[in-house]
N, C-alpha and C. Protein backbone atom coordinates (compact mmCIF):
# COMPACT_ATOMS: atom_id res chain seq x y z
N MET A 1 -20.95 -4.53 8.66
CA MET A 1 -20.82 -5.49 9.91
C MET A 1 -19.72 -5.40 10.40
N THR A 2 -19.81 -4.79 11.79
CA THR A 2 -18.75 -4.23 12.60
C THR A 2 -18.19 -5.76 13.75
N LEU A 3 -17.59 -5.27 14.11
CA LEU A 3 -17.01 -6.58 15.53
C LEU A 3 -17.48 -5.76 16.77
N THR A 4 -18.41 -6.46 17.54
CA THR A 4 -18.68 -5.99 18.36
C THR A 4 -18.21 -6.65 19.72
N ASN A 5 -17.58 -7.89 19.66
CA ASN A 5 -17.07 -8.22 20.63
C ASN A 5 -15.70 -8.02 21.09
N ARG A 6 -15.46 -7.32 22.19
CA ARG A 6 -14.18 -6.36 22.34
C ARG A 6 -12.74 -7.53 22.63
N THR A 7 -13.28 -8.48 23.16
CA THR A 7 -12.19 -9.48 22.89
C THR A 7 -11.68 -10.13 21.86
N THR A 8 -12.45 -10.09 20.75
CA THR A 8 -12.17 -10.51 19.54
C THR A 8 -11.26 -9.41 19.06
N GLY A 9 -11.98 -8.16 19.23
CA GLY A 9 -11.05 -6.97 18.59
C GLY A 9 -9.58 -6.92 18.95
N LYS A 10 -9.47 -6.95 20.54
CA LYS A 10 -8.35 -7.31 21.23
C LYS A 10 -7.38 -8.20 20.61
N ALA A 11 -8.29 -9.47 20.58
CA ALA A 11 -7.27 -10.62 20.19
C ALA A 11 -6.50 -10.55 18.38
N LEU A 12 -7.59 -9.63 17.87
CA LEU A 12 -7.00 -9.23 16.46
C LEU A 12 -5.99 -7.91 16.46
N LEU A 13 -5.71 -7.35 17.22
CA LEU A 13 -4.52 -6.11 17.17
C LEU A 13 -3.13 -6.39 16.88
N LEU A 14 -2.50 -7.66 17.51
CA LEU A 14 -1.41 -8.00 17.34
C LEU A 14 -1.45 -8.78 15.79
N PRO A 15 -2.18 -9.38 15.45
CA PRO A 15 -2.16 -9.82 14.18
C PRO A 15 -2.23 -8.63 13.04
N ALA A 16 -3.37 -7.74 13.08
CA ALA A 16 -3.53 -6.74 12.56
C ALA A 16 -2.07 -5.95 12.26
N LEU A 17 -1.42 -5.51 13.47
CA LEU A 17 0.01 -4.66 13.63
C LEU A 17 0.42 -5.93 12.63
N TRP A 18 0.97 -7.14 12.60
CA TRP A 18 1.74 -7.73 11.85
C TRP A 18 1.66 -7.86 10.60
N ALA A 19 0.29 -8.20 10.25
CA ALA A 19 -0.04 -7.64 8.68
C ALA A 19 0.06 -6.36 8.34
N GLY A 20 -0.22 -5.35 9.01
CA GLY A 20 0.08 -4.25 8.63
C GLY A 20 1.41 -3.43 8.30
N PHE A 21 2.43 -4.64 9.18
CA PHE A 21 3.87 -4.50 8.94
C PHE A 21 4.15 -5.22 7.74
N VAL A 22 3.76 -6.25 7.61
CA VAL A 22 4.32 -7.33 6.44
C VAL A 22 3.86 -6.43 5.16
N GLY A 23 2.51 -6.20 5.11
CA GLY A 23 1.95 -5.53 3.94
C GLY A 23 2.40 -4.22 3.46
N GLY A 24 2.70 -3.54 4.81
CA GLY A 24 3.46 -2.39 4.38
C GLY A 24 4.71 -2.24 3.49
N ASN A 25 5.59 -3.04 4.41
CA ASN A 25 6.88 -3.42 3.35
C ASN A 25 6.65 -3.85 2.09
N LEU A 26 5.90 -4.81 2.07
CA LEU A 26 5.86 -5.41 0.45
C LEU A 26 5.00 -4.63 -0.57
N SER A 27 3.75 -3.79 -0.13
CA SER A 27 3.42 -2.76 -0.87
C SER A 27 4.14 -1.52 -1.06
N SER A 28 5.02 -1.42 -0.60
CA SER A 28 5.84 -0.21 -0.67
C SER A 28 7.00 -0.56 -1.88
N PHE A 29 7.26 -1.84 -2.38
CA PHE A 29 7.76 -2.29 -3.24
C PHE A 29 7.20 -2.46 -4.44
N VAL A 30 5.60 -2.58 -4.34
CA VAL A 30 4.81 -2.84 -5.14
C VAL A 30 4.66 -1.27 -5.90
N LYS A 31 4.60 -0.65 -4.88
CA LYS A 31 4.19 0.90 -5.70
C LYS A 31 5.23 1.66 -6.05
N TRP A 32 6.52 1.50 -5.32
CA TRP A 32 7.69 2.14 -5.92
C TRP A 32 7.80 1.16 -7.39
N GLY A 33 7.60 -0.07 -7.59
CA GLY A 33 7.97 -0.77 -8.78
C GLY A 33 6.70 -0.21 -9.65
N THR A 34 5.54 0.23 -9.53
CA THR A 34 4.90 1.07 -10.83
C THR A 34 5.41 1.97 -11.43
N GLU A 35 6.03 2.54 -10.42
CA GLU A 35 6.96 4.17 -10.79
C GLU A 35 7.97 3.65 -12.27
N VAL A 36 8.39 2.58 -12.25
CA VAL A 36 9.52 2.29 -13.16
C VAL A 36 8.91 2.44 -14.64
N PRO A 37 8.01 1.48 -14.93
CA PRO A 37 7.52 1.32 -16.22
C PRO A 37 6.48 2.95 -16.38
N LEU A 38 6.08 3.19 -15.21
CA LEU A 38 4.74 4.22 -15.48
C LEU A 38 5.02 5.63 -14.46
N PRO A 39 6.45 6.46 -14.97
CA PRO A 39 7.02 7.33 -13.98
C PRO A 39 5.65 8.36 -13.98
N PRO A 40 5.56 8.92 -12.40
CA PRO A 40 4.41 9.67 -12.42
C PRO A 40 4.80 11.00 -12.20
N ARG A 41 5.87 11.46 -12.90
CA ARG A 41 6.32 12.89 -12.95
C ARG A 41 6.89 13.15 -14.27
N THR A 42 7.05 14.58 -14.70
CA THR A 42 7.77 14.85 -15.62
C THR A 42 9.49 14.87 -15.36
N PRO A 43 10.06 14.82 -15.86
CA PRO A 43 11.46 14.81 -15.42
C PRO A 43 12.07 16.21 -14.62
N ASP A 44 11.24 17.28 -15.05
CA ASP A 44 11.80 18.56 -14.81
C ASP A 44 10.72 19.04 -12.73
N ARG A 45 10.46 17.96 -12.44
CA ARG A 45 9.44 17.96 -11.24
C ARG A 45 10.42 17.02 -10.11
N ALA A 46 10.30 17.38 -8.91
CA ALA A 46 10.88 16.54 -7.82
C ALA A 46 9.84 16.05 -7.56
N SER A 47 9.98 15.03 -7.04
CA SER A 47 9.05 13.98 -6.24
C SER A 47 8.83 14.86 -5.11
N PRO A 48 7.31 14.76 -4.67
CA PRO A 48 6.81 15.33 -3.12
C PRO A 48 7.40 14.87 -2.01
N PRO A 49 8.12 13.56 -1.84
CA PRO A 49 9.03 13.20 -0.62
C PRO A 49 10.07 13.90 -0.59
N ALA A 50 10.74 14.21 -1.80
CA ALA A 50 11.80 14.90 -1.72
C ALA A 50 11.43 16.56 -1.34
N GLU A 51 10.54 17.16 -2.06
CA GLU A 51 10.04 18.26 -1.47
C GLU A 51 9.83 18.62 -0.09
N MET A 52 8.79 17.32 0.38
CA MET A 52 8.68 17.37 2.17
C MET A 52 9.85 17.81 2.81
N LEU A 53 10.87 16.87 2.43
CA LEU A 53 12.07 16.56 3.11
C LEU A 53 12.94 18.08 2.97
N ARG A 54 12.81 18.67 1.90
CA ARG A 54 13.37 19.97 1.78
C ARG A 54 13.10 21.26 2.53
N ASP A 55 11.48 20.78 2.66
CA ASP A 55 10.66 21.82 3.59
C ASP A 55 11.13 21.54 5.18
N LEU A 56 11.43 20.39 5.39
CA LEU A 56 11.73 20.15 6.78
C LEU A 56 13.30 20.35 7.34
N GLY A 57 14.13 21.06 6.07
CA GLY A 57 15.69 21.32 6.41
C GLY A 57 16.42 20.34 5.90
N VAL A 58 15.78 18.88 5.36
CA VAL A 58 16.67 17.91 5.01
C VAL A 58 17.41 18.05 3.65
N ASN A 59 18.37 17.84 3.40
CA ASN A 59 19.34 17.80 2.13
C ASN A 59 19.24 16.52 1.49
N VAL A 60 18.12 16.40 0.65
CA VAL A 60 17.76 14.98 -0.16
C VAL A 60 18.84 14.62 -0.62
N ASP A 61 20.04 15.57 -1.54
CA ASP A 61 21.45 15.16 -2.14
C ASP A 61 22.01 14.24 -1.51
N HIS A 62 22.11 14.41 -0.04
CA HIS A 62 22.91 13.72 0.69
C HIS A 62 22.33 12.38 1.15
N LEU A 63 21.25 12.07 0.75
CA LEU A 63 20.58 10.87 1.25
C LEU A 63 20.53 10.12 0.40
N ILE A 64 21.46 10.33 -0.78
CA ILE A 64 21.67 8.88 -1.92
C ILE A 64 22.34 7.81 -1.50
N TYR A 65 22.12 6.72 -2.34
CA TYR A 65 23.10 5.64 -2.32
C TYR A 65 23.45 4.84 -3.78
N VAL A 66 24.51 4.14 -3.77
CA VAL A 66 24.43 3.63 -4.96
C VAL A 66 24.51 2.34 -4.81
N TYR A 67 23.55 1.65 -5.86
CA TYR A 67 23.31 -0.14 -5.74
C TYR A 67 23.65 -0.48 -6.98
N SER A 68 24.49 -1.61 -7.69
CA SER A 68 24.69 -2.07 -8.72
C SER A 68 24.79 -0.88 -9.66
N GLY A 69 25.13 0.30 -9.20
CA GLY A 69 25.75 1.12 -10.25
C GLY A 69 24.59 2.08 -10.52
N HIS A 70 23.75 1.85 -9.63
CA HIS A 70 22.56 2.94 -9.99
C HIS A 70 22.22 3.79 -8.76
N ILE A 71 21.89 5.11 -8.98
CA ILE A 71 21.76 6.51 -7.99
C ILE A 71 20.26 6.07 -7.05
N VAL A 72 20.39 5.80 -6.14
CA VAL A 72 18.76 5.54 -5.40
C VAL A 72 18.80 6.83 -4.51
N PRO A 73 17.83 7.24 -4.83
CA PRO A 73 17.26 8.28 -3.47
C PRO A 73 16.84 7.88 -2.32
N GLY A 74 17.83 7.85 -1.46
CA GLY A 74 17.25 6.96 -0.01
C GLY A 74 16.28 8.11 0.75
N GLY A 75 16.19 8.86 0.88
CA GLY A 75 15.30 9.93 1.52
C GLY A 75 14.21 9.53 1.18
N VAL A 76 13.84 9.78 -0.52
CA VAL A 76 12.54 9.63 -0.82
C VAL A 76 12.28 8.35 -0.79
N LEU A 77 12.99 7.18 -0.77
CA LEU A 77 12.66 5.63 -0.27
C LEU A 77 12.09 5.68 0.94
N VAL A 78 12.80 6.25 1.88
CA VAL A 78 12.53 5.96 3.26
C VAL A 78 11.10 6.72 3.64
N VAL A 79 10.94 7.98 2.78
CA VAL A 79 9.38 8.56 3.07
C VAL A 79 8.43 7.63 2.46
N HIS A 80 8.68 7.05 1.29
CA HIS A 80 7.75 6.00 0.45
C HIS A 80 7.36 4.91 1.37
N HIS A 81 8.44 4.48 1.85
CA HIS A 81 8.48 3.34 2.69
C HIS A 81 7.67 3.33 4.12
N LEU A 82 8.02 4.59 4.79
CA LEU A 82 7.27 4.81 5.82
C LEU A 82 5.62 5.08 5.79
N PHE A 83 5.60 5.78 4.52
CA PHE A 83 3.95 6.20 4.39
C PHE A 83 3.36 5.12 4.20
N SER A 84 3.87 3.79 3.52
CA SER A 84 3.37 2.53 3.15
C SER A 84 3.09 1.83 4.37
N ILE A 85 4.08 1.97 5.12
CA ILE A 85 3.80 1.10 6.59
C ILE A 85 2.53 1.68 7.30
N PHE A 86 2.67 3.06 7.76
CA PHE A 86 1.75 3.68 8.63
C PHE A 86 0.53 3.40 7.78
N PHE A 87 0.26 3.47 6.63
CA PHE A 87 -1.18 3.43 5.99
C PHE A 87 -1.58 1.97 6.10
N ALA A 88 -0.91 0.98 5.78
CA ALA A 88 -0.99 -0.56 6.20
C ALA A 88 -1.33 -0.66 7.48
N LEU A 89 -0.51 -0.05 8.07
CA LEU A 89 -1.08 -0.53 9.71
C LEU A 89 -2.22 -0.26 10.12
N LEU A 90 -2.75 1.39 9.95
CA LEU A 90 -3.94 2.07 9.55
C LEU A 90 -4.98 0.98 9.41
N TYR A 91 -4.98 0.56 8.14
CA TYR A 91 -6.04 -0.19 7.19
C TYR A 91 -6.40 -1.53 7.98
N CYS A 92 -5.03 -2.04 8.25
CA CYS A 92 -5.31 -3.31 9.01
C CYS A 92 -6.07 -3.29 10.49
N VAL A 93 -5.57 -2.21 11.24
CA VAL A 93 -6.42 -2.00 12.43
C VAL A 93 -7.66 -1.10 12.33
N LEU A 94 -8.02 -0.64 11.48
CA LEU A 94 -9.14 0.01 11.20
C LEU A 94 -9.93 -1.12 10.59
N TRP A 95 -9.93 -2.16 9.83
CA TRP A 95 -10.64 -3.33 9.37
C TRP A 95 -10.98 -4.23 10.65
N ILE A 96 -10.44 -3.97 11.94
CA ILE A 96 -10.97 -4.79 13.02
C ILE A 96 -12.40 -4.37 13.11
N ARG A 97 -12.32 -2.99 13.53
CA ARG A 97 -13.64 -2.13 13.61
C ARG A 97 -14.75 -2.20 12.58
N PHE A 98 -14.12 -1.71 11.12
CA PHE A 98 -14.82 -1.42 10.09
C PHE A 98 -14.25 -2.13 8.94
N PRO A 99 -14.70 -3.00 8.84
CA PRO A 99 -14.29 -4.53 7.80
C PRO A 99 -14.57 -4.02 6.35
N ARG A 100 -15.69 -2.88 6.33
CA ARG A 100 -15.86 -2.45 4.87
C ARG A 100 -14.65 -1.75 4.55
N ILE A 101 -13.76 -1.51 5.17
CA ILE A 101 -13.03 -0.55 4.59
C ILE A 101 -12.10 -1.46 3.51
N ALA A 102 -12.28 -2.71 3.27
CA ALA A 102 -11.73 -3.88 2.35
C ALA A 102 -12.61 -3.83 1.10
N MET A 103 -13.69 -2.73 0.94
CA MET A 103 -14.16 -3.26 -0.25
C MET A 103 -13.39 -3.11 -1.30
N GLY A 104 -13.73 -4.11 -2.30
CA GLY A 104 -13.22 -3.94 -3.64
C GLY A 104 -11.58 -4.49 -3.32
N GLN A 105 -11.53 -5.72 -2.54
CA GLN A 105 -9.80 -5.86 -2.10
C GLN A 105 -9.27 -4.97 -1.93
N GLY A 106 -9.68 -4.03 -0.86
CA GLY A 106 -8.46 -2.93 -0.57
C GLY A 106 -8.55 -1.80 -1.46
N VAL A 107 -8.84 -2.03 -3.03
CA VAL A 107 -8.68 -0.81 -4.09
C VAL A 107 -9.36 0.27 -3.57
N VAL A 108 -10.30 0.56 -3.16
CA VAL A 108 -11.08 1.43 -2.87
C VAL A 108 -10.42 2.10 -1.86
N PHE A 109 -10.09 1.58 -0.83
CA PHE A 109 -9.13 2.20 0.04
C PHE A 109 -7.78 3.11 -0.44
N GLY A 110 -7.18 2.23 -1.60
CA GLY A 110 -6.00 2.97 -2.46
C GLY A 110 -6.41 4.28 -2.93
N LEU A 111 -7.95 3.95 -3.77
CA LEU A 111 -8.24 5.14 -4.26
C LEU A 111 -8.38 6.43 -3.58
N VAL A 112 -8.88 6.33 -2.21
CA VAL A 112 -9.33 7.13 -1.46
C VAL A 112 -7.83 8.17 -0.96
N VAL A 113 -7.25 6.86 -0.57
CA VAL A 113 -5.83 7.50 -0.58
C VAL A 113 -5.32 8.37 -1.38
N THR A 114 -5.16 7.90 -2.74
CA THR A 114 -4.88 8.47 -3.76
C THR A 114 -5.44 10.08 -4.26
N LEU A 115 -6.83 9.89 -3.77
CA LEU A 115 -7.36 11.55 -4.12
C LEU A 115 -7.23 12.18 -2.72
N VAL A 116 -6.69 11.73 -1.57
CA VAL A 116 -6.60 12.57 -0.02
C VAL A 116 -5.41 13.17 -0.43
N PHE A 117 -4.61 12.40 -0.87
CA PHE A 117 -2.80 12.98 -1.07
C PHE A 117 -2.71 13.68 -2.06
N HIS A 118 -3.18 13.29 -3.48
CA HIS A 118 -2.83 14.06 -4.63
C HIS A 118 -3.99 15.25 -4.91
N GLY A 119 -4.70 15.09 -3.89
CA GLY A 119 -6.11 16.11 -4.02
C GLY A 119 -6.06 17.06 -3.04
N MET A 120 -5.51 16.59 -1.97
CA MET A 120 -5.40 17.73 -0.90
C MET A 120 -4.58 18.00 0.02
N VAL A 121 -3.70 16.81 0.25
CA VAL A 121 -2.58 16.90 1.23
C VAL A 121 -0.91 17.68 0.59
N LEU A 122 -1.02 16.82 -0.68
CA LEU A 122 0.46 17.74 -1.31
C LEU A 122 0.16 19.10 -2.00
N PRO A 123 -0.95 19.10 -2.70
CA PRO A 123 -1.18 20.54 -3.07
C PRO A 123 -1.07 21.41 -1.96
N ALA A 124 -1.97 20.95 -0.63
CA ALA A 124 -2.01 22.01 0.46
C ALA A 124 -0.43 22.46 1.10
N GLY A 125 0.58 21.45 1.03
CA GLY A 125 1.79 21.61 1.34
C GLY A 125 2.87 22.30 0.00
N HIS A 126 2.16 22.48 -0.75
CA HIS A 126 2.80 23.10 -2.10
C HIS A 126 4.01 21.78 -2.54
N TRP A 127 3.79 20.94 -2.36
CA TRP A 127 4.71 19.82 -3.01
C TRP A 127 4.26 19.36 -3.85
N ALA A 128 3.02 19.32 -4.53
CA ALA A 128 2.59 19.06 -6.06
C ALA A 128 1.44 19.98 -6.27
N PRO A 129 1.23 20.14 -7.82
CA PRO A 129 -0.05 20.59 -8.17
C PRO A 129 -1.02 20.30 -7.92
N ALA A 130 -2.13 21.53 -8.12
CA ALA A 130 -3.75 20.76 -7.38
C ALA A 130 -3.87 19.52 -8.60
N LEU A 131 -4.92 18.88 -8.16
CA LEU A 131 -5.28 17.65 -8.86
C LEU A 131 -5.72 17.57 -10.27
N TRP A 132 -6.25 19.07 -10.46
CA TRP A 132 -6.99 19.35 -11.75
C TRP A 132 -5.88 19.76 -12.90
N ASN A 133 -4.59 20.32 -12.03
CA ASN A 133 -3.31 20.39 -12.91
C ASN A 133 -2.41 19.58 -12.97
N LEU A 134 -2.81 18.21 -12.35
CA LEU A 134 -1.68 17.21 -12.82
C LEU A 134 -1.81 16.67 -14.30
N PRO A 135 -0.49 16.04 -14.62
CA PRO A 135 -0.77 15.48 -16.13
C PRO A 135 -1.46 14.02 -15.84
N ARG A 136 -1.87 13.86 -16.84
CA ARG A 136 -2.98 12.40 -16.94
C ARG A 136 -1.93 11.53 -16.66
N ALA A 137 -0.94 11.63 -17.45
CA ALA A 137 0.20 10.48 -17.20
C ALA A 137 0.51 10.26 -15.47
N GLU A 138 0.73 10.86 -14.67
CA GLU A 138 0.78 11.03 -13.43
C GLU A 138 -0.40 10.63 -12.56
N MET A 139 -1.63 10.83 -12.77
CA MET A 139 -2.81 10.59 -12.36
C MET A 139 -3.09 9.01 -12.49
N PHE A 140 -2.62 8.84 -14.12
CA PHE A 140 -2.78 7.38 -14.03
C PHE A 140 -1.82 6.62 -13.50
N SER A 141 -0.22 6.68 -13.23
CA SER A 141 0.36 6.15 -12.65
C SER A 141 0.03 5.95 -11.18
N GLU A 142 -0.33 7.11 -10.49
CA GLU A 142 -0.53 7.16 -9.01
C GLU A 142 -1.57 6.19 -8.95
N THR A 143 -2.63 6.56 -9.81
CA THR A 143 -3.94 5.71 -9.26
C THR A 143 -3.59 4.02 -9.52
N ILE A 144 -3.09 3.77 -10.58
CA ILE A 144 -2.42 2.10 -10.59
C ILE A 144 -1.62 1.61 -9.63
N GLY A 145 -0.42 2.26 -8.94
CA GLY A 145 0.29 2.41 -8.41
C GLY A 145 -0.30 2.22 -7.03
N HIS A 146 -1.25 3.08 -6.46
CA HIS A 146 -2.33 2.93 -5.34
C HIS A 146 -2.82 1.90 -5.07
N MET A 147 -3.64 1.57 -6.34
CA MET A 147 -4.37 0.31 -6.39
C MET A 147 -3.84 -0.87 -5.93
N LEU A 148 -2.90 -1.01 -6.95
CA LEU A 148 -1.96 -2.20 -6.43
C LEU A 148 -1.21 -2.39 -5.17
N TRP A 149 -1.14 -1.14 -4.60
CA TRP A 149 -0.37 -0.98 -3.37
C TRP A 149 -1.44 -1.57 -2.07
N ALA A 150 -2.39 -0.87 -2.33
CA ALA A 150 -3.67 -1.05 -1.59
C ALA A 150 -3.92 -2.84 -1.51
N TRP A 151 -4.13 -3.50 -2.60
CA TRP A 151 -4.70 -4.62 -2.72
C TRP A 151 -3.62 -5.94 -2.24
N VAL A 152 -2.15 -5.29 -2.15
CA VAL A 152 -1.18 -6.16 -1.58
C VAL A 152 -1.56 -6.10 -0.01
N ILE A 153 -1.54 -4.80 0.44
CA ILE A 153 -2.17 -4.82 1.68
C ILE A 153 -3.25 -5.71 2.17
N GLU A 154 -4.11 -5.79 1.46
CA GLU A 154 -5.30 -6.58 1.77
C GLU A 154 -5.18 -7.85 1.42
N LEU A 155 -4.10 -8.11 0.87
CA LEU A 155 -4.36 -9.57 0.43
C LEU A 155 -3.25 -10.37 1.86
N MET A 156 -2.06 -9.29 2.09
CA MET A 156 -1.40 -9.54 3.51
C MET A 156 -2.37 -9.60 4.76
N ARG A 157 -3.18 -8.67 4.77
CA ARG A 157 -4.39 -8.83 5.97
C ARG A 157 -5.53 -10.07 5.69
N ARG A 158 -5.69 -10.54 4.67
CA ARG A 158 -6.18 -11.57 4.83
C ARG A 158 -5.60 -12.91 5.19
N GLU A 159 -4.46 -13.15 4.66
CA GLU A 159 -3.76 -13.98 5.08
C GLU A 159 -3.07 -14.35 6.38
N LEU A 160 -2.87 -13.26 7.02
CA LEU A 160 -1.79 -13.10 8.12
C LEU A 160 -2.72 -12.68 9.65
N MET A 161 -4.33 -12.38 9.22
CA MET A 161 -5.19 -12.22 10.32
C MET A 161 -6.36 -13.23 10.35
N PRO A 162 -6.43 -13.83 11.47
CA PRO A 162 -7.61 -14.37 11.73
C PRO A 162 -9.06 -14.11 11.37
N SER A 163 -9.82 -14.58 10.71
CA SER A 163 -11.08 -13.88 10.48
C SER A 163 -11.83 -14.13 11.48
N PRO A 164 -12.68 -13.22 12.24
CA PRO A 164 -13.71 -13.37 13.36
C PRO A 164 -15.00 -13.67 12.42
N PHE A 165 -14.98 -14.06 11.35
CA PHE A 165 -16.31 -14.08 10.55
C PHE A 165 -16.59 -15.73 10.18
N PRO A 166 -17.83 -16.21 10.29
CA PRO A 166 -17.69 -18.16 10.31
C PRO A 166 -17.48 -18.06 8.61
N GLY A 167 -16.83 -18.92 8.30
CA GLY A 167 -16.82 -19.32 6.72
C GLY A 167 -15.65 -18.67 6.10
N ALA A 168 -15.22 -17.68 6.60
CA ALA A 168 -14.19 -16.85 5.94
C ALA A 168 -12.96 -17.77 5.94
N ARG A 169 -12.69 -17.40 4.28
CA ARG A 169 -11.17 -18.59 4.20
C ARG A 169 -9.80 -17.24 3.45
N HIS A 170 -8.86 -18.10 3.90
CA HIS A 170 -7.80 -17.04 3.61
C HIS A 170 -7.33 -17.75 2.02
N ILE A 171 -6.17 -17.12 1.46
CA ILE A 171 -6.10 -17.54 0.19
C ILE A 171 -5.62 -18.88 0.25
N THR A 172 -4.49 -19.30 1.22
CA THR A 172 -4.14 -20.77 1.10
C THR A 172 -4.94 -21.69 1.71
N ASP A 173 -6.11 -21.31 1.84
CA ASP A 173 -6.85 -22.29 2.21
C ASP A 173 -7.68 -23.22 1.30
N ARG A 174 -7.37 -23.92 0.77
CA ARG A 174 -7.40 -24.63 -0.65
C ARG A 174 -7.66 -26.16 -0.21
N GLU A 175 -8.93 -26.68 -0.94
CA GLU A 175 -8.83 -28.08 -0.49
C GLU A 175 -7.92 -28.57 -1.57
N PRO A 176 -7.21 -29.89 -1.00
CA PRO A 176 -6.43 -30.32 -1.79
C PRO A 176 -6.85 -31.14 -2.88
N ALA A 177 -6.16 -31.37 -4.06
CA ALA A 177 -6.45 -31.49 -5.49
C ALA A 177 -6.72 -33.25 -5.02
N ALA A 178 -7.79 -33.93 -5.63
CA ALA A 178 -7.90 -35.15 -5.54
C ALA A 178 -7.20 -35.82 -6.72
N PRO A 179 -6.32 -37.36 -5.59
CA PRO A 179 -5.52 -38.01 -6.43
C PRO A 179 -6.05 -38.59 -7.60
N VAL A 180 -5.05 -38.47 -8.65
CA VAL A 180 -5.47 -38.94 -9.86
C VAL A 180 -4.81 -40.29 -10.03
N SER A 181 -5.72 -41.28 -10.46
CA SER A 181 -5.05 -42.71 -10.64
C SER A 181 -4.37 -42.70 -12.01
N ASP A 182 -3.59 -43.90 -12.39
CA ASP A 182 -2.96 -44.01 -13.47
C ASP A 182 -4.00 -44.15 -14.66
N GLN A 183 -4.90 -44.71 -14.24
CA GLN A 183 -6.29 -44.95 -15.22
C GLN A 183 -6.79 -43.59 -15.91
N GLN A 184 -7.16 -42.60 -14.98
CA GLN A 184 -7.55 -41.45 -14.99
C GLN A 184 -6.67 -40.49 -15.87
N ALA A 185 -5.30 -40.55 -15.54
CA ALA A 185 -4.47 -39.72 -16.25
C ALA A 185 -4.13 -40.21 -17.76
N ALA A 186 -4.18 -41.63 -18.09
CA ALA A 186 -4.33 -42.08 -19.53
C ALA A 186 -5.57 -41.87 -20.72
């Protein structure tokens, strides 16, 4: 089902941008967080964002900072964060015209992004091996990370965008629980 009412589409644009911005920021932390228990690369390989920055002439070693005694790769973090915000904005804006983008609560979108980036974009830029040459652990980590990442974007889209579909509910639209009397509680 597509939205055909132009006024409705225009009225949804600002909320879509807000939902994409919030969802992109939150999902960036979720995606980054999955890489702690499930490191996507072997220790001998640089991350694709670091390789991209190096190809642009940026010295990623100068873009680190220390937080709580840990060295944080700031340049890589910024690339991941901007990637997340960009695709969350795209997702929420595309949803206005193509609501099917939210299939599987957004998880299908996450799987498509995984396949496109890890299957085509990164190998084409020589920033990562071809999909069939990636270690299973990397594919597992990236797939789980992108699924959770996209799901968070969808949760924010649902919560922060008004729905043009009658009867659609938001996550927080719950009926209040019926009061329990003292006799029922006993």
